[in-house]
């Protein structure tokens, strides 16, 4: 680990020296690349230097144990445990900082929510999850747009696609991929029996054109009239767009804008995200075939969370965490659960890194 830390520090210093070169300003592309690379290394380099400073302080303090002054010896005895604890904590931080970063963490996402088993109750809960994520995005200062929405029969949502953009969106929302199960008494239940329904959530990192080879000749486009809100043009013009990717059979729709051109552009973005996710899943499946647990796999068949309304309880089955106060959670209070998922998967990655 420490050899890697030394390499990081040396590279950080080299990049710092390069940024100080006045001639670099003449090459904006290289300047941007070096600035970004240095910024990525800075937290590790700064933390490592603090670690080495604490090491030196511990050594100096330990020498005081042999000092003739009784007060100095006692002070050293009190200080040494604190310094050792700080070093141990910082060493863990450094191990975490050296873990491979998810290359998609900084990307914007497309969130797809679909009602599963449970009929109208499932579509009602799908609508609640949609509002939950929209409010969470609002709390985080992210921008969100509903790209396509198919309403349910009882006022819920059969399926919806949402674009979410902002700072490190995927790094937070990637833990939401999977099957969400709800347990509660539906409003239509006269006997007061608890029903169980499911909703599927998929979080797709948005792909750039360079990430996916997409031949537009393989894409069929259909246009139709929008069915949601959108002003006077709704139901009067064929502005909504449906794209079908023939090689994979993937179908995406967008009716966010009044402009057919804008809807097509957004639908292409959705299609790229789906193709990108397929490729990520393929590569990850090959790499992790022998692992029992795939961290962040986004496997949609996995039941990740249960929302039990009668008991005001939410349980994440992947990390074994149970929390309460569902009303707060359902209005976008996801921070505690997402932080717990992040801590759990970081610890798992750390274990694997140490054993490999």
Protein backbone atom coordinates (compact mmCIF):
# COMPACT_ATOMS: atom_id res chain seq x y z
CA UNK A 1 0.00 0.00 0.00
CA UNK A 2 2.71 2.45 0.97
CA UNK A 3 4.62 1.98 -2.28
CA UNK A 4 1.43 2.94 -4.12
CA UNK A 5 1.03 5.97 -1.86
CA UNK A 6 4.59 7.05 -2.63
CA UNK A 7 3.83 6.76 -6.34
CA UNK A 8 0.70 8.89 -5.92
CA UNK A 9 2.63 11.56 -4.02
CA UNK A 10 5.43 11.65 -6.61
CA UNK A 11 2.94 11.92 -9.46
CA UNK A 12 1.02 14.64 -7.62
CA UNK A 13 4.24 16.65 -7.20
CA UNK A 14 5.17 16.15 -10.85
CA UNK A 15 1.77 17.36 -12.04
CA UNK A 16 1.99 20.35 -9.68
CA UNK A 17 5.31 21.28 -11.25
CA UNK A 18 3.87 20.93 -14.75
CA UNK A 19 0.98 23.25 -13.88
CA UNK A 20 3.51 25.86 -12.82
CA UNK A 21 5.01 25.87 -16.32
CA UNK A 22 3.83 29.06 -18.13
CA UNK A 23 3.99 27.31 -21.52
CA UNK A 24 1.21 24.94 -20.46
CA UNK A 25 -1.29 27.77 -20.84
CA UNK A 26 -0.73 27.55 -24.61
CA UNK A 27 -2.20 24.03 -24.65
CA UNK A 28 -5.72 24.21 -23.13
CA UNK A 29 -6.50 20.53 -23.72
CA UNK A 30 -3.37 19.34 -21.90
CA UNK A 31 -3.91 21.96 -19.19
CA UNK A 32 -7.40 20.65 -18.54
CA UNK A 33 -6.18 17.03 -18.47
CA UNK A 34 -3.37 17.75 -16.00
CA UNK A 35 -5.60 19.89 -13.79
CA UNK A 36 -8.22 17.14 -13.61
CA UNK A 37 -5.66 14.40 -12.94
CA UNK A 38 -3.98 16.43 -10.20
CA UNK A 39 -7.35 17.17 -8.57
CA UNK A 40 -8.09 13.44 -8.43
CA UNK A 41 -4.76 12.70 -6.73
CA UNK A 42 -4.79 15.65 -4.31
CA UNK A 43 -7.04 14.15 -1.57
CA UNK A 44 -4.84 11.03 -1.37
CA UNK A 45 -1.57 12.97 -1.46
CA UNK A 46 -2.71 15.42 1.23
CA UNK A 47 -3.99 12.61 3.46
CA UNK A 48 -0.74 10.65 3.03
CA UNK A 49 1.36 13.64 3.99
CA UNK A 50 -0.75 14.11 7.10
CA UNK A 51 -0.21 10.42 7.88
CA UNK A 52 3.56 10.82 7.61
CA UNK A 53 3.42 13.93 9.80
CA UNK A 54 1.57 11.98 12.47
CA UNK A 55 4.15 9.19 12.22
CA UNK A 56 6.94 11.68 12.86
CA UNK A 57 5.01 13.18 15.76
CA UNK A 58 4.53 9.72 17.29
CA UNK A 59 8.25 8.94 17.02
CA UNK A 60 9.16 12.25 18.65
CA UNK A 61 6.62 11.69 21.41
CA UNK A 62 7.89 8.16 22.07
CA UNK A 63 11.40 9.50 22.64
CA UNK A 64 9.99 11.60 25.49
CA UNK A 65 9.27 8.42 27.44
CA UNK A 66 12.97 8.39 28.31
CA UNK A 67 13.05 12.06 29.25
CA UNK A 68 14.37 13.04 32.69
CA UNK A 69 11.41 15.33 33.23
CA UNK A 70 8.55 13.43 34.91
CA UNK A 71 5.88 15.77 33.48
CA UNK A 72 7.18 15.27 29.96
CA UNK A 73 7.06 11.48 30.37
CA UNK A 74 3.49 11.64 31.65
CA UNK A 75 2.46 13.92 28.81
CA UNK A 76 3.97 11.49 26.31
CA UNK A 77 2.09 8.55 27.89
CA UNK A 78 -1.18 10.43 27.44
CA UNK A 79 -0.43 11.57 23.89
CA UNK A 80 0.81 8.28 22.40
CA UNK A 81 -2.59 6.45 22.45
CA UNK A 82 -4.23 9.41 20.70
CA UNK A 83 -1.59 9.48 17.97
CA UNK A 84 -1.76 5.70 17.45
CA UNK A 85 -5.56 5.85 17.13
CA UNK A 86 -5.30 8.74 14.65
CA UNK A 87 -2.76 6.82 12.57
CA UNK A 88 -4.92 3.70 12.55
CA UNK A 89 -7.94 5.69 11.43
CA UNK A 90 -5.97 7.49 8.73
CA UNK A 91 -4.49 4.23 7.46
CA UNK A 92 -8.02 2.92 6.90
CA UNK A 93 -8.91 6.13 5.08
CA UNK A 94 -5.86 5.72 2.85
CA UNK A 95 -6.78 2.12 2.01
CA UNK A 96 -10.26 3.28 1.01
CA UNK A 97 -8.84 6.17 -1.01
CA UNK A 98 -6.72 3.72 -3.02
CA UNK A 99 -9.70 1.55 -3.97
CA UNK A 100 -10.49 1.61 -7.71
CA UNK A 101 -13.07 4.27 -8.47
CA UNK A 102 -16.28 3.47 -10.31
CA UNK A 103 -15.76 5.27 -13.65
CA UNK A 104 -19.49 6.00 -13.82
CA UNK A 105 -19.79 7.74 -10.44
CA UNK A 106 -19.70 11.25 -11.88
CA UNK A 107 -22.26 10.54 -14.60
CA UNK A 108 -25.85 11.71 -14.86
CA UNK A 109 -28.46 8.96 -14.91
CA UNK A 110 -31.77 7.81 -16.29
CA UNK A 111 -34.00 6.26 -13.64
CA UNK A 112 -36.60 3.78 -14.86
CA UNK A 113 -39.43 2.77 -12.50
CA UNK A 114 -41.88 0.00 -13.43
CA UNK A 115 -44.82 -1.45 -11.53
CA UNK A 116 -44.38 -5.18 -10.96
CA UNK A 117 -46.55 -7.72 -9.17
CA UNK A 118 -49.56 -6.30 -7.37
CA UNK A 119 -51.78 -4.65 -9.99
CA UNK A 120 -53.09 -1.20 -9.11
CA UNK A 121 -51.30 -1.21 -5.75
CA UNK A 122 -47.96 -1.74 -7.52
CA UNK A 123 -48.63 1.17 -9.88
CA UNK A 124 -49.62 3.39 -6.95
CA UNK A 125 -46.36 2.60 -5.19
CA UNK A 126 -44.42 3.16 -8.42
CA UNK A 127 -45.88 6.67 -8.48
CA UNK A 128 -44.80 7.20 -4.86
CA UNK A 129 -41.26 6.05 -5.64
CA UNK A 130 -41.19 8.42 -8.61
CA UNK A 131 -42.12 11.35 -6.35
CA UNK A 132 -39.61 10.19 -3.75
CA UNK A 133 -36.72 10.28 -6.22
CA UNK A 134 -37.84 13.61 -7.67
CA UNK A 135 -37.88 15.13 -4.18
CA UNK A 136 -34.51 13.59 -3.34
CA UNK A 137 -33.08 15.12 -6.52
CA UNK A 138 -34.57 18.47 -5.53
CA UNK A 139 -32.99 18.25 -2.07
CA UNK A 140 -29.60 17.53 -3.63
CA UNK A 141 -29.91 20.43 -6.04
CA UNK A 142 -30.02 18.13 -9.06
CA UNK A 143 -32.05 18.72 -12.21
CA UNK A 144 -34.71 16.13 -13.01
CA UNK A 145 -37.06 15.70 -15.97
CA UNK A 146 -39.76 13.13 -16.65
CA UNK A 147 -38.98 11.75 -20.10
CA UNK A 148 -41.82 9.29 -20.51
CA UNK A 149 -44.71 8.26 -18.27
CA UNK A 150 -47.41 5.61 -18.66
CA UNK A 151 -50.16 6.23 -16.09
CA UNK A 152 -51.80 3.39 -14.16
CA UNK A 153 -55.52 2.71 -13.95
CA UNK A 154 -55.93 3.92 -10.36
CA UNK A 155 -53.88 7.11 -10.61
CA UNK A 156 -50.48 5.49 -10.20
CA UNK A 157 -47.71 4.84 -12.71
CA UNK A 158 -47.18 1.75 -14.87
CA UNK A 159 -43.72 2.92 -15.87
CA UNK A 160 -41.76 6.14 -15.96
CA UNK A 161 -38.33 7.27 -17.15
CA UNK A 162 -36.63 10.20 -15.41
CA UNK A 163 -33.46 12.03 -16.37
CA UNK A 164 -31.42 13.20 -13.37
CA UNK A 165 -28.36 15.41 -13.78
CA UNK A 166 -26.05 17.06 -11.30
CA UNK A 167 -22.99 16.43 -9.17
CA UNK A 168 -22.05 12.73 -8.81
CA UNK A 169 -25.62 11.52 -9.37
CA UNK A 170 -24.79 7.91 -10.24
CA UNK A 171 -22.53 7.49 -7.20
CA UNK A 172 -25.59 7.97 -4.99
CA UNK A 173 -28.47 6.53 -6.97
CA UNK A 174 -26.72 3.36 -8.20
CA UNK A 175 -27.70 1.66 -4.94
CA UNK A 176 -31.40 2.03 -5.85
CA UNK A 177 -31.34 -0.48 -8.71
CA UNK A 178 -33.37 -3.57 -7.95
CA UNK A 179 -36.78 -4.77 -6.82
CA UNK A 180 -38.53 -2.65 -4.18
CA UNK A 181 -41.23 -4.48 -2.22
CA UNK A 182 -44.09 -2.72 -0.43
CA UNK A 183 -46.26 -4.26 2.30
CA UNK A 184 -49.40 -2.38 3.34
CA UNK A 185 -53.20 -2.40 3.35
CA UNK A 186 -54.44 -0.99 0.02
CA UNK A 187 -57.19 1.62 0.12
CA UNK A 188 -59.41 -0.77 -1.83
CA UNK A 189 -58.95 -3.59 0.74
CA UNK A 190 -62.17 -3.87 2.75
CA UNK A 191 -60.95 -6.71 5.00
CA UNK A 192 -57.88 -4.84 6.21
CA UNK A 193 -55.48 -7.45 4.86
CA UNK A 194 -51.86 -6.56 4.13
CA UNK A 195 -50.89 -6.93 0.47
CA UNK A 196 -47.40 -7.31 -0.95
CA UNK A 197 -46.51 -5.59 -4.24
CA UNK A 198 -43.28 -4.95 -6.11
CA UNK A 199 -41.77 -2.17 -8.19
CA UNK A 200 -38.61 -2.42 -10.27
CA UNK A 201 -36.09 0.43 -10.31
CA UNK A 202 -33.20 0.63 -12.78
CA UNK A 203 -30.56 3.35 -12.58
CA UNK A 204 -28.70 3.72 -15.88
CA UNK A 205 -25.57 5.87 -16.17
CA UNK A 206 -25.91 8.15 -19.17
CA UNK A 207 -23.53 7.22 -21.96
CA UNK A 208 -21.56 9.51 -24.21
CA UNK A 209 -21.45 8.87 -27.93
CA UNK A 210 -17.87 7.59 -27.57
CA UNK A 211 -18.99 4.96 -25.01
CA UNK A 212 -21.40 3.14 -27.31
CA UNK A 213 -21.16 2.19 -30.95
CA UNK A 214 -24.64 3.00 -32.17
CA UNK A 215 -25.39 2.83 -35.88
CA UNK A 216 -28.49 4.92 -36.45
CA UNK A 217 -29.33 2.74 -39.43
CA UNK A 218 -30.17 0.04 -36.85
CA UNK A 219 -32.75 2.29 -35.21
CA UNK A 220 -36.39 2.52 -36.30
CA UNK A 221 -38.33 5.63 -35.27
CA UNK A 222 -42.09 5.94 -34.79
CA UNK A 223 -43.91 9.11 -33.83
CA UNK A 224 -47.17 9.41 -31.94
CA UNK A 225 -49.20 11.90 -29.98
CA UNK A 226 -48.16 12.63 -26.41
CA UNK A 227 -50.45 11.36 -23.67
CA UNK A 228 -49.31 13.41 -20.69
CA UNK A 229 -49.29 17.03 -19.65
CA UNK A 230 -47.50 19.45 -21.90
CA UNK A 231 -49.70 22.31 -22.98
CA UNK A 232 -51.89 22.97 -26.00
CA UNK A 233 -49.81 20.88 -28.38
CA UNK A 234 -50.45 17.62 -26.55
CA UNK A 235 -52.76 15.25 -28.47
CA UNK A 236 -52.69 17.60 -31.49
CA UNK A 237 -49.23 16.88 -32.95
CA UNK A 238 -47.15 13.73 -33.39
CA UNK A 239 -44.27 15.01 -31.23
CA UNK A 240 -43.65 11.93 -29.05
CA UNK A 241 -40.95 9.56 -30.30
CA UNK A 242 -40.47 5.80 -30.00
CA UNK A 243 -37.13 4.28 -31.00
CA UNK A 244 -36.54 0.57 -31.60
CA UNK A 245 -33.00 -0.79 -31.73
CA UNK A 246 -33.34 -3.80 -34.03
CA UNK A 247 -30.18 -5.73 -33.02
CA UNK A 248 -31.16 -5.83 -29.34
CA UNK A 249 -34.92 -5.26 -29.46
CA UNK A 250 -34.60 -2.35 -27.00
CA UNK A 251 -37.47 0.15 -27.21
CA UNK A 252 -37.38 3.65 -25.69
CA UNK A 253 -39.94 6.45 -25.71
CA UNK A 254 -39.78 10.15 -24.99
CA UNK A 255 -42.61 12.69 -24.93
CA UNK A 256 -41.07 15.32 -22.67
CA UNK A 257 -40.84 18.09 -25.25
CA UNK A 258 -43.30 19.58 -27.72
CA UNK A 259 -40.57 19.28 -30.34
CA UNK A 260 -40.19 15.96 -32.13
CA UNK A 261 -36.51 16.74 -32.75
CA UNK A 262 -35.82 17.29 -29.05
CA UNK A 263 -37.71 14.16 -28.09
CA UNK A 264 -35.70 12.14 -30.60
CA UNK A 265 -32.43 13.49 -29.22
CA UNK A 266 -33.47 12.57 -25.67
CA UNK A 267 -34.67 9.14 -26.80
CA UNK A 268 -31.28 8.52 -28.41
CA UNK A 269 -29.67 9.41 -25.08
CA UNK A 270 -31.93 6.90 -23.34
CA UNK A 271 -31.08 4.24 -25.91
CA UNK A 272 -27.34 4.81 -25.47
CA UNK A 273 -27.76 4.50 -21.70
CA UNK A 274 -29.51 1.13 -22.10
CA UNK A 275 -26.89 -0.18 -24.51
CA UNK A 276 -24.14 1.04 -22.19
CA UNK A 277 -25.76 -0.75 -19.26
CA UNK A 278 -25.96 -3.96 -21.31
CA UNK A 279 -22.25 -3.79 -22.05
CA UNK A 280 -21.39 -3.02 -18.41
CA UNK A 281 -23.50 -5.97 -17.26
CA UNK A 282 -21.84 -8.28 -19.78
CA UNK A 283 -18.32 -7.30 -18.75
CA UNK A 284 -19.16 -7.42 -15.06
CA UNK A 285 -20.84 -10.79 -15.42
CA UNK A 286 -17.74 -12.25 -17.01
CA UNK A 287 -15.47 -10.74 -14.37
CA UNK A 288 -17.59 -11.66 -11.36
CA UNK A 289 -19.01 -15.01 -12.43
CA UNK A 290 -17.58 -16.78 -9.38
CA UNK A 291 -18.58 -14.20 -6.82
CA UNK A 292 -21.61 -14.81 -4.61
CA UNK A 293 -22.36 -11.10 -4.28
CA UNK A 294 -21.93 -8.58 -7.08
CA UNK A 295 -21.40 -5.17 -5.59
CA UNK A 296 -23.45 -2.57 -7.46
CA UNK A 297 -24.52 -5.04 -10.12
CA UNK A 298 -27.97 -3.47 -10.49
CA UNK A 299 -29.48 -6.95 -10.87
CA UNK A 300 -33.17 -6.20 -11.31
CA UNK A 301 -34.27 -9.66 -10.12
CA UNK A 302 -32.81 -8.99 -6.69
CA UNK A 303 -35.20 -7.89 -3.95
CA UNK A 304 -33.19 -5.09 -2.42
CA UNK A 305 -35.62 -3.33 -0.10
CA UNK A 306 -38.94 -3.77 1.71
CA UNK A 307 -41.22 -0.90 2.75
CA UNK A 308 -43.52 -2.11 5.54
CA UNK A 309 -46.09 0.61 6.16
CA UNK A 310 -48.06 -0.99 9.05
CA UNK A 311 -44.84 -1.28 11.06
CA UNK A 312 -43.33 2.00 9.77
CA UNK A 313 -40.25 0.04 8.76
CA UNK A 314 -37.90 0.04 5.79
CA UNK A 315 -35.35 -2.76 5.40
CA UNK A 316 -32.47 -2.99 2.95
CA UNK A 317 -31.87 -6.73 2.53
CA UNK A 318 -28.43 -6.34 0.94
CA UNK A 319 -26.84 -4.67 3.93
CA UNK A 320 -29.16 -5.89 6.69
CA UNK A 321 -30.21 -2.40 7.75
CA UNK A 322 -33.67 -1.62 9.14
CA UNK A 323 -34.81 1.96 9.69
CA UNK A 324 -38.08 3.65 10.64
CA UNK A 325 -39.97 6.87 9.86
CA UNK A 326 -41.21 5.86 6.41
CA UNK A 327 -43.08 9.17 5.84
CA UNK A 328 -39.78 11.08 5.92
CA UNK A 329 -38.16 8.55 3.64
CA UNK A 330 -40.96 8.75 1.08
CA UNK A 331 -40.55 12.52 0.71
CA UNK A 332 -36.92 12.20 -0.33
CA UNK A 333 -35.13 11.49 2.95
CA UNK A 334 -32.85 8.85 1.43
CA UNK A 335 -29.51 10.17 2.70
CA UNK A 336 -29.13 7.81 5.67
CA UNK A 337 -29.92 4.68 3.65
CA UNK A 338 -27.71 5.68 0.72
CA UNK A 339 -24.82 6.52 3.08
CA UNK A 340 -25.22 3.12 4.76
CA UNK A 341 -25.13 1.35 1.38
CA UNK A 342 -22.03 3.29 0.39
CA UNK A 343 -20.28 2.41 3.68
CA UNK A 344 -21.22 -1.26 3.37
CA UNK A 345 -20.03 -1.70 -0.21
CA UNK A 346 -16.86 0.27 0.48
CA UNK A 347 -16.08 -2.09 3.36
CA UNK A 348 -16.78 -5.11 1.15
CA UNK A 349 -14.50 -3.75 -1.57
CA UNK A 350 -11.82 -3.13 1.05
CA UNK A 351 -12.02 -6.75 2.24
CA UNK A 352 -11.71 -8.05 -1.30
CA UNK A 353 -8.81 -5.73 -2.02
CA UNK A 354 -6.95 -6.93 1.08
CA UNK A 355 -7.52 -10.61 0.30
CA UNK A 356 -6.49 -10.34 -3.34
